[in-house]
Amino acid sequence: MVMTMIAVNRNAPIAYHFLFAPHSPEPEGVLVDAAGMPVLTDYQAVDWKALAISARSAIDGVVPKGIQLFVADDAADVFEVLNLCPWSVSSHVGRGDFYSRFKTAVAKLEMADMRSGITSLSQYADDYHVNVPSAGRRPPLGGIIITVKFPNASHVGDYLHNVTHALFGQIRRDNGLALGVGDMSPALLSWLENQFGVAYGRRCESYFVGTTRPRPH
C-alpha cells in the first residue's frame, strides 16, 4: 500500500511556486523613469498575461511543452517588499516580511487557480498587500509569484534546475529557501520595463515559496 501511494504521488502533477524579486539598477538603488522621476502604476491594468508569455519563451527549448508556466495576476510593490510605507503610517507591524506574506497566500492556492498562464493570486491580496494604493496606483513591482507546473512529480528532478536557471539565473538547490541572486531572463526584464515605465537592473533574487498538489478526493 505504501509503495502504491508513492507511485501515485510521483505520477501526480505538482506546481512549484517561486517569488521573483527584481533589483534596481546599480549604483542608483531606486526605480525611476528615464527622467529620474518616480512612476505609479494601476496594477489592475498591468498585462500579466504578457509576462506569462515572456516567461514561457525563456524556457522554450529548455523543458518539454507539457511543463506549464503561470504568473500571478497581482504583485507586491517595491515598498511592500522593503517593508516601507511611502505615504501613510506603516501597516507592516506584525505582518512578517514579504516572503512570509507571499507564503501565506500561496499556501491557499489550488490547482484550479492556475489556468491559461495565470495564477489567480489576487483573491488572497490581503495576505501580501500591506500598503494602501495612492489614487488606485502603486510604485513599481517588487515581487511576484511565478509558478512552474509539472504534469508528473517525477519530472521535477530532471527539469526544475533548467527552469530556475533560464528564468532567474540561479539553479534550484535542495536546501534553503533562497535560490540566490542571478541575472534575470531578458524576456522578464523587457516586460518589467514596458509595464512599469522604470529602469530595472539585470539582477534579481528568487525564492522557493511552496508547492501545490491536487486535493485528495
C-alpha atoms as a PDB file:
ATOM      1  CA  MET A   1       0.000   0.000   0.000  1.00  0.00           C
ATOM      2  CA  VAL A   2       2.830   2.413   0.873  1.00  0.00           C
ATOM      3  CA  MET A   3       4.625   1.709  -2.418  1.00  0.00           C
ATOM      4  CA  THR A   4       1.359   2.267  -4.307  1.00  0.00           C
ATOM      5  CA  MET A   5       0.902   5.684  -2.682  1.00  0.00           C
ATOM      6  CA  ILE A   6       4.490   6.657  -3.542  1.00  0.00           C
ATOM      7  CA  ALA A   7       3.897   5.685  -7.175  1.00  0.00           C
ATOM      8  CA  VAL A   8       0.661   7.691  -7.282  1.00  0.00           C
ATOM      9  CA  ASN A   9       2.370  10.770  -5.814  1.00  0.00           C
ATOM     10  CA  ARG A  10       5.211  10.547  -8.344  1.00  0.00           C
ATOM     11  CA  ASN A  11       2.735  10.353 -11.220  1.00  0.00           C
ATOM     12  CA  ALA A  12       0.529  13.189  -9.957  1.00  0.00           C
ATOM     13  CA  PRO A  13       1.025  16.786 -11.117  1.00  0.00           C
ATOM     14  CA  ILE A  14       2.745  19.284  -8.854  1.00  0.00           C
ATOM     15  CA  ALA A  15       3.206  23.063  -9.065  1.00  0.00           C
ATOM     16  CA  TYR A  16       6.324  24.797  -7.728  1.00  0.00           C
ATOM     17  CA  HIS A  17       5.924  28.451  -6.755  1.00  0.00           C
ATOM     18  CA  PHE A  18       8.817  30.922  -6.853  1.00  0.00           C
ATOM     19  CA  LEU A  19       8.956  34.505  -5.628  1.00  0.00           C
ATOM     20  CA  PHE A  20      10.728  36.661  -8.205  1.00  0.00           C
ATOM     21  CA  ALA A  21      12.136  39.942  -6.845  1.00  0.00           C
ATOM     22  CA  PRO A  22      13.878  42.136  -9.452  1.00  0.00           C
ATOM     23  CA  HIS A  23      16.624  44.534  -8.399  1.00  0.00           C
ATOM     24  CA  SER A  24      17.007  48.229  -9.124  1.00  0.00           C
ATOM     25  CA  PRO A  25      19.911  49.344 -11.344  1.00  0.00           C
ATOM     26  CA  GLU A  26      23.317  49.836  -9.803  1.00  0.00           C
ATOM     27  CA  PRO A  27      24.501  52.098  -8.361  1.00  0.00           C
ATOM     28  CA  GLU A  28      21.340  54.209  -8.165  1.00  0.00           C
ATOM     29  CA  GLY A  29      19.357  51.813  -5.987  1.00  0.00           C
ATOM     30  CA  VAL A  30      15.999  53.321  -6.970  1.00  0.00           C
ATOM     31  CA  LEU A  31      13.325  52.569  -9.563  1.00  0.00           C
ATOM     32  CA  VAL A  32      12.637  55.691 -11.635  1.00  0.00           C
ATOM     33  CA  ASP A  33      11.905  56.528 -15.258  1.00  0.00           C
ATOM     34  CA  ALA A  34      14.413  57.827 -17.820  1.00  0.00           C
ATOM     35  CA  ALA A  35      13.965  61.367 -16.481  1.00  0.00           C
ATOM     36  CA  GLY A  36      14.701  60.260 -12.926  1.00  0.00           C
ATOM     37  CA  MET A  37      11.091  60.615 -11.819  1.00  0.00           C
ATOM     38  CA  PRO A  38       9.066  58.113  -9.748  1.00  0.00           C
ATOM     39  CA  VAL A  39       6.253  56.255 -11.505  1.00  0.00           C
ATOM     40  CA  LEU A  40       2.996  54.864 -10.118  1.00  0.00           C
ATOM     41  CA  THR A  41       1.039  52.131 -11.919  1.00  0.00           C
ATOM     42  CA  ASP A  42      -2.524  50.839 -11.851  1.00  0.00           C
ATOM     43  CA  TYR A  43      -1.861  47.151 -11.182  1.00  0.00           C
ATOM     44  CA  GLN A  44      -5.309  46.208 -12.490  1.00  0.00           C
ATOM     45  CA  ALA A  45      -4.222  47.495 -15.903  1.00  0.00           C
ATOM     46  CA  VAL A  46      -0.943  45.526 -15.972  1.00  0.00           C
ATOM     47  CA  ASP A  47      -0.718  42.873 -18.702  1.00  0.00           C
ATOM     48  CA  TRP A  48       0.127  39.866 -16.534  1.00  0.00           C
ATOM     49  CA  LYS A  49      -0.636  37.548 -19.455  1.00  0.00           C
ATOM     50  CA  ALA A  50       2.202  39.145 -21.408  1.00  0.00           C
ATOM     51  CA  LEU A  51       4.563  38.235 -18.564  1.00  0.00           C
ATOM     52  CA  ALA A  52       3.366  34.631 -18.742  1.00  0.00           C
ATOM     53  CA  ILE A  53       4.128  34.594 -22.471  1.00  0.00           C
ATOM     54  CA  SER A  54       7.549  36.202 -21.956  1.00  0.00           C
ATOM     55  CA  ALA A  55       8.479  33.817 -19.156  1.00  0.00           C
ATOM     56  CA  ARG A  56       7.335  30.843 -21.216  1.00  0.00           C
ATOM     57  CA  SER A  57       9.522  31.977 -24.105  1.00  0.00           C
ATOM     58  CA  ALA A  58      12.507  31.957 -21.738  1.00  0.00           C
ATOM     59  CA  ILE A  59      12.108  28.239 -21.028  1.00  0.00           C
ATOM     60  CA  ASP A  60      11.062  27.068 -24.503  1.00  0.00           C
ATOM     61  CA  GLY A  61      13.585  24.548 -25.729  1.00  0.00           C
ATOM     62  CA  VAL A  62      14.807  24.003 -22.170  1.00  0.00           C
ATOM     63  CA  VAL A  63      11.887  21.913 -20.904  1.00  0.00           C
ATOM     64  CA  PRO A  64       9.179  19.791 -22.589  1.00  0.00           C
ATOM     65  CA  LYS A  65       5.981  21.541 -23.707  1.00  0.00           C
ATOM     66  CA  GLY A  66       3.998  19.602 -21.100  1.00  0.00           C
ATOM     67  CA  ILE A  67       5.636  21.608 -18.312  1.00  0.00           C
ATOM     68  CA  GLN A  68       3.467  24.703 -17.854  1.00  0.00           C
ATOM     69  CA  LEU A  69       4.295  28.168 -16.569  1.00  0.00           C
ATOM     70  CA  PHE A  70       1.964  30.597 -14.794  1.00  0.00           C
ATOM     71  CA  VAL A  71       2.348  34.071 -13.323  1.00  0.00           C
ATOM     72  CA  ALA A  72       0.247  35.670 -10.613  1.00  0.00           C
ATOM     73  CA  ASP A  73      -2.409  38.217 -11.552  1.00  0.00           C
ATOM     74  CA  ASP A  74      -1.059  40.664  -8.963  1.00  0.00           C
ATOM     75  CA  ALA A  75       2.211  41.565  -7.249  1.00  0.00           C
ATOM     76  CA  ALA A  76       3.697  43.383  -4.274  1.00  0.00           C
ATOM     77  CA  ASP A  77       5.182  46.785  -4.957  1.00  0.00           C
ATOM     78  CA  VAL A  78       8.783  47.605  -4.142  1.00  0.00           C
ATOM     79  CA  PHE A  79       7.917  49.421  -0.896  1.00  0.00           C
ATOM     80  CA  GLU A  80       5.963  46.402   0.362  1.00  0.00           C
ATOM     81  CA  VAL A  81       8.979  44.211  -0.349  1.00  0.00           C
ATOM     82  CA  LEU A  82      11.179  46.658   1.590  1.00  0.00           C
ATOM     83  CA  ASN A  83       8.622  46.928   4.442  1.00  0.00           C
ATOM     84  CA  LEU A  84       8.248  50.667   3.923  1.00  0.00           C
ATOM     85  CA  CYS A  85       5.188  52.907   3.657  1.00  0.00           C
ATOM     86  CA  PRO A  86       5.865  55.913   1.390  1.00  0.00           C
ATOM     87  CA  TRP A  87       2.751  57.978   2.167  1.00  0.00           C
ATOM     88  CA  SER A  88       0.984  56.624   5.248  1.00  0.00           C
ATOM     89  CA  VAL A  89       1.521  55.230   8.717  1.00  0.00           C
ATOM     90  CA  SER A  90       3.281  51.870   8.479  1.00  0.00           C
ATOM     91  CA  SER A  91       0.922  48.916   8.351  1.00  0.00           C
ATOM     92  CA  HIS A  92       3.636  46.249   8.351  1.00  0.00           C
ATOM     93  CA  VAL A  93       3.824  45.749  12.115  1.00  0.00           C
ATOM     94  CA  GLY A  94       3.049  42.150  12.974  1.00  0.00           C
ATOM     95  CA  ARG A  95       2.762  41.153   9.306  1.00  0.00           C
ATOM     96  CA  GLY A  96       6.162  39.475   8.926  1.00  0.00           C
ATOM     97  CA  ASP A  97       8.395  40.008   5.886  1.00  0.00           C
ATOM     98  CA  PHE A  98       7.372  39.957   2.242  1.00  0.00           C
ATOM     99  CA  TYR A  99       8.420  36.308   1.853  1.00  0.00           C
ATOM    100  CA  SER A 100       6.209  35.092   4.702  1.00  0.00           C
ATOM    101  CA  ARG A 101       3.279  37.147   3.429  1.00  0.00           C
ATOM    102  CA  PHE A 102       3.509  35.601  -0.033  1.00  0.00           C
ATOM    103  CA  LYS A 103       3.937  32.155   1.504  1.00  0.00           C
ATOM    104  CA  THR A 104       0.641  32.590   3.371  1.00  0.00           C
ATOM    105  CA  ALA A 105      -1.170  33.460   0.139  1.00  0.00           C
ATOM    106  CA  VAL A 106       0.448  30.697  -1.923  1.00  0.00           C
ATOM    107  CA  ALA A 107      -0.485  28.057   0.662  1.00  0.00           C
ATOM    108  CA  LYS A 108      -4.161  28.724  -0.146  1.00  0.00           C
ATOM    109  CA  LEU A 109      -3.824  28.033  -3.874  1.00  0.00           C
ATOM    110  CA  GLU A 110      -5.393  25.035  -5.580  1.00  0.00           C
ATOM    111  CA  MET A 111      -4.650  23.551  -8.987  1.00  0.00           C
ATOM    112  CA  ALA A 112      -7.860  25.087 -10.348  1.00  0.00           C
ATOM    113  CA  ASP A 113      -6.446  28.561  -9.599  1.00  0.00           C
ATOM    114  CA  MET A 114      -3.850  28.083 -12.367  1.00  0.00           C
ATOM    115  CA  ARG A 115      -5.322  28.477 -15.856  1.00  0.00           C
ATOM    116  CA  SER A 116      -4.194  29.837 -19.227  1.00  0.00           C
ATOM    117  CA  GLY A 117      -0.858  31.073 -17.920  1.00  0.00           C
ATOM    118  CA  ILE A 118      -2.335  32.991 -14.979  1.00  0.00           C
ATOM    119  CA  THR A 119      -2.457  32.111 -11.275  1.00  0.00           C
ATOM    120  CA  SER A 120      -5.423  33.708  -9.507  1.00  0.00           C
ATOM    121  CA  LEU A 121      -3.461  35.003  -6.533  1.00  0.00           C
ATOM    122  CA  SER A 122      -5.245  38.355  -6.259  1.00  0.00           C
ATOM    123  CA  GLN A 123      -8.112  36.668  -4.398  1.00  0.00           C
ATOM    124  CA  TYR A 124      -5.685  36.492  -1.458  1.00  0.00           C
ATOM    125  CA  ALA A 125      -4.366  40.054  -1.873  1.00  0.00           C
ATOM    126  CA  ASP A 126      -4.982  40.873   1.791  1.00  0.00           C
ATOM    127  CA  ASP A 127      -2.216  38.418   2.695  1.00  0.00           C
ATOM    128  CA  TYR A 128       0.587  40.175   0.787  1.00  0.00           C
ATOM    129  CA  HIS A 129      -0.561  43.775   0.242  1.00  0.00           C
ATOM    130  CA  VAL A 130       0.206  45.941   3.259  1.00  0.00           C
ATOM    131  CA  ASN A 131       0.263  49.401   1.664  1.00  0.00           C
ATOM    132  CA  VAL A 132      -2.803  51.305   0.513  1.00  0.00           C
ATOM    133  CA  PRO A 133      -2.613  52.434  -3.145  1.00  0.00           C
ATOM    134  CA  SER A 134      -2.272  56.135  -3.913  1.00  0.00           C
ATOM    135  CA  ALA A 135      -5.323  57.064  -6.018  1.00  0.00           C
ATOM    136  CA  GLY A 136      -5.511  53.430  -7.132  1.00  0.00           C
ATOM    137  CA  ARG A 137      -1.860  53.260  -8.171  1.00  0.00           C
ATOM    138  CA  ARG A 138       1.219  51.625  -6.705  1.00  0.00           C
ATOM    139  CA  PRO A 139       5.007  52.009  -7.008  1.00  0.00           C
ATOM    140  CA  PRO A 140       6.854  49.616  -9.365  1.00  0.00           C
ATOM    141  CA  LEU A 141       6.727  45.862  -8.919  1.00  0.00           C
ATOM    142  CA  GLY A 142       8.914  44.473  -6.160  1.00  0.00           C
ATOM    143  CA  GLY A 143       7.905  40.813  -6.015  1.00  0.00           C
ATOM    144  CA  ILE A 144       5.679  38.429  -7.963  1.00  0.00           C
ATOM    145  CA  ILE A 145       4.928  34.701  -7.912  1.00  0.00           C
ATOM    146  CA  ILE A 146       5.980  32.657 -10.951  1.00  0.00           C
ATOM    147  CA  THR A 147       4.736  29.070 -10.970  1.00  0.00           C
ATOM    148  CA  VAL A 148       6.015  26.014 -12.828  1.00  0.00           C
ATOM    149  CA  LYS A 149       3.592  23.089 -13.083  1.00  0.00           C
ATOM    150  CA  PHE A 150       4.915  19.618 -13.812  1.00  0.00           C
ATOM    151  CA  PRO A 151       2.493  17.008 -15.228  1.00  0.00           C
ATOM    152  CA  ASN A 152       4.315  14.375 -13.172  1.00  0.00           C
ATOM    153  CA  ALA A 153       6.204  14.952  -9.949  1.00  0.00           C
ATOM    154  CA  SER A 154       8.873  12.602 -11.280  1.00  0.00           C
ATOM    155  CA  HIS A 155       9.875  15.312 -13.808  1.00  0.00           C
ATOM    156  CA  VAL A 156      10.900  17.790 -11.118  1.00  0.00           C
ATOM    157  CA  GLY A 157      14.381  16.390 -10.601  1.00  0.00           C
ATOM    158  CA  ASP A 158      15.068  16.397 -14.339  1.00  0.00           C
ATOM    159  CA  TYR A 159      13.919  19.892 -15.256  1.00  0.00           C
ATOM    160  CA  LEU A 160      13.463  22.224 -12.279  1.00  0.00           C
ATOM    161  CA  HIS A 161      17.061  23.422 -12.275  1.00  0.00           C
ATOM    162  CA  ASN A 162      16.782  24.196 -16.018  1.00  0.00           C
ATOM    163  CA  VAL A 163      13.731  26.378 -15.369  1.00  0.00           C
ATOM    164  CA  THR A 164      15.205  28.386 -12.500  1.00  0.00           C
ATOM    165  CA  HIS A 165      18.453  28.943 -14.367  1.00  0.00           C
ATOM    166  CA  ALA A 166      16.651  30.135 -17.521  1.00  0.00           C
ATOM    167  CA  LEU A 167      14.341  32.498 -15.618  1.00  0.00           C
ATOM    168  CA  PHE A 168      16.389  33.717 -12.672  1.00  0.00           C
ATOM    169  CA  GLY A 169      20.000  32.848 -13.472  1.00  0.00           C
ATOM    170  CA  GLN A 170      20.066  30.502 -10.485  1.00  0.00           C
ATOM    171  CA  ILE A 171      19.940  26.726 -10.134  1.00  0.00           C
ATOM    172  CA  ARG A 172      17.440  25.368  -7.624  1.00  0.00           C
ATOM    173  CA  ARG A 173      19.234  23.888  -4.632  1.00  0.00           C
ATOM    174  CA  ASP A 174      17.910  21.072  -2.464  1.00  0.00           C
ATOM    175  CA  ASN A 175      18.326  23.047   0.750  1.00  0.00           C
ATOM    176  CA  GLY A 176      17.304  26.528   1.745  1.00  0.00           C
ATOM    177  CA  LEU A 177      14.518  28.776   0.536  1.00  0.00           C
ATOM    178  CA  ALA A 178      16.536  31.379  -1.361  1.00  0.00           C
ATOM    179  CA  LEU A 179      17.870  30.460  -4.766  1.00  0.00           C
ATOM    180  CA  GLY A 180      20.160  33.463  -4.511  1.00  0.00           C
ATOM    181  CA  VAL A 181      20.946  36.375  -6.810  1.00  0.00           C
ATOM    182  CA  GLY A 182      21.339  35.971 -10.552  1.00  0.00           C
ATOM    183  CA  ASP A 183      20.697  37.619 -13.912  1.00  0.00           C
ATOM    184  CA  MET A 184      17.033  37.511 -14.872  1.00  0.00           C
ATOM    185  CA  SER A 185      15.926  36.445 -18.324  1.00  0.00           C
ATOM    186  CA  PRO A 186      15.967  39.336 -20.846  1.00  0.00           C
ATOM    187  CA  ALA A 187      12.304  38.500 -21.528  1.00  0.00           C
ATOM    188  CA  LEU A 188      11.406  39.246 -17.895  1.00  0.00           C
ATOM    189  CA  LEU A 189      13.437  42.469 -17.870  1.00  0.00           C
ATOM    190  CA  SER A 190      11.771  43.727 -21.046  1.00  0.00           C
ATOM    191  CA  TRP A 191       8.287  43.048 -19.672  1.00  0.00           C
ATOM    192  CA  LEU A 192       9.053  44.823 -16.376  1.00  0.00           C
ATOM    193  CA  GLU A 193      10.313  47.982 -18.041  1.00  0.00           C
ATOM    194  CA  ASN A 194       7.455  48.079 -20.565  1.00  0.00           C
ATOM    195  CA  GLN A 195       4.735  47.640 -17.952  1.00  0.00           C
ATOM    196  CA  PHE A 196       6.070  49.831 -15.145  1.00  0.00           C
ATOM    197  CA  GLY A 197       7.929  52.531 -17.071  1.00  0.00           C
ATOM    198  CA  VAL A 198      11.074  52.437 -14.948  1.00  0.00           C
ATOM    199  CA  ALA A 199      14.592  51.097 -15.413  1.00  0.00           C
ATOM    200  CA  TYR A 200      15.307  47.818 -13.626  1.00  0.00           C
ATOM    201  CA  GLY A 201      18.700  46.193 -13.197  1.00  0.00           C
ATOM    202  CA  ARG A 202      19.602  42.818 -14.690  1.00  0.00           C
ATOM    203  CA  ARG A 203      19.984  41.205 -11.278  1.00  0.00           C
ATOM    204  CA  CYS A 204      17.173  39.557  -9.345  1.00  0.00           C
ATOM    205  CA  GLU A 205      16.565  37.479  -6.258  1.00  0.00           C
ATOM    206  CA  SER A 206      14.399  34.379  -6.279  1.00  0.00           C
ATOM    207  CA  TYR A 207      12.928  32.215  -3.549  1.00  0.00           C
ATOM    208  CA  PHE A 208      11.137  28.893  -3.386  1.00  0.00           C
ATOM    209  CA  VAL A 209       7.785  29.593  -1.713  1.00  0.00           C
ATOM    210  CA  GLY A 210       5.909  26.281  -1.773  1.00  0.00           C
ATOM    211  CA  THR A 211       4.096  23.680  -3.844  1.00  0.00           C
ATOM    212  CA  THR A 212       0.528  22.883  -4.799  1.00  0.00           C
ATOM    213  CA  ARG A 213      -0.727  19.349  -5.338  1.00  0.00           C
ATOM    214  CA  PRO A 214      -4.157  18.063  -6.341  1.00  0.00           C
ATOM    215  CA  ARG A 215      -6.541  17.949  -3.393  1.00  0.00           C
ATOM    216  CA  PRO A 216      -7.412  14.400  -2.294  1.00  0.00           C
ATOM    217  CA  HIS A 217     -10.936  13.373  -3.233  1.00  0.00           C
END
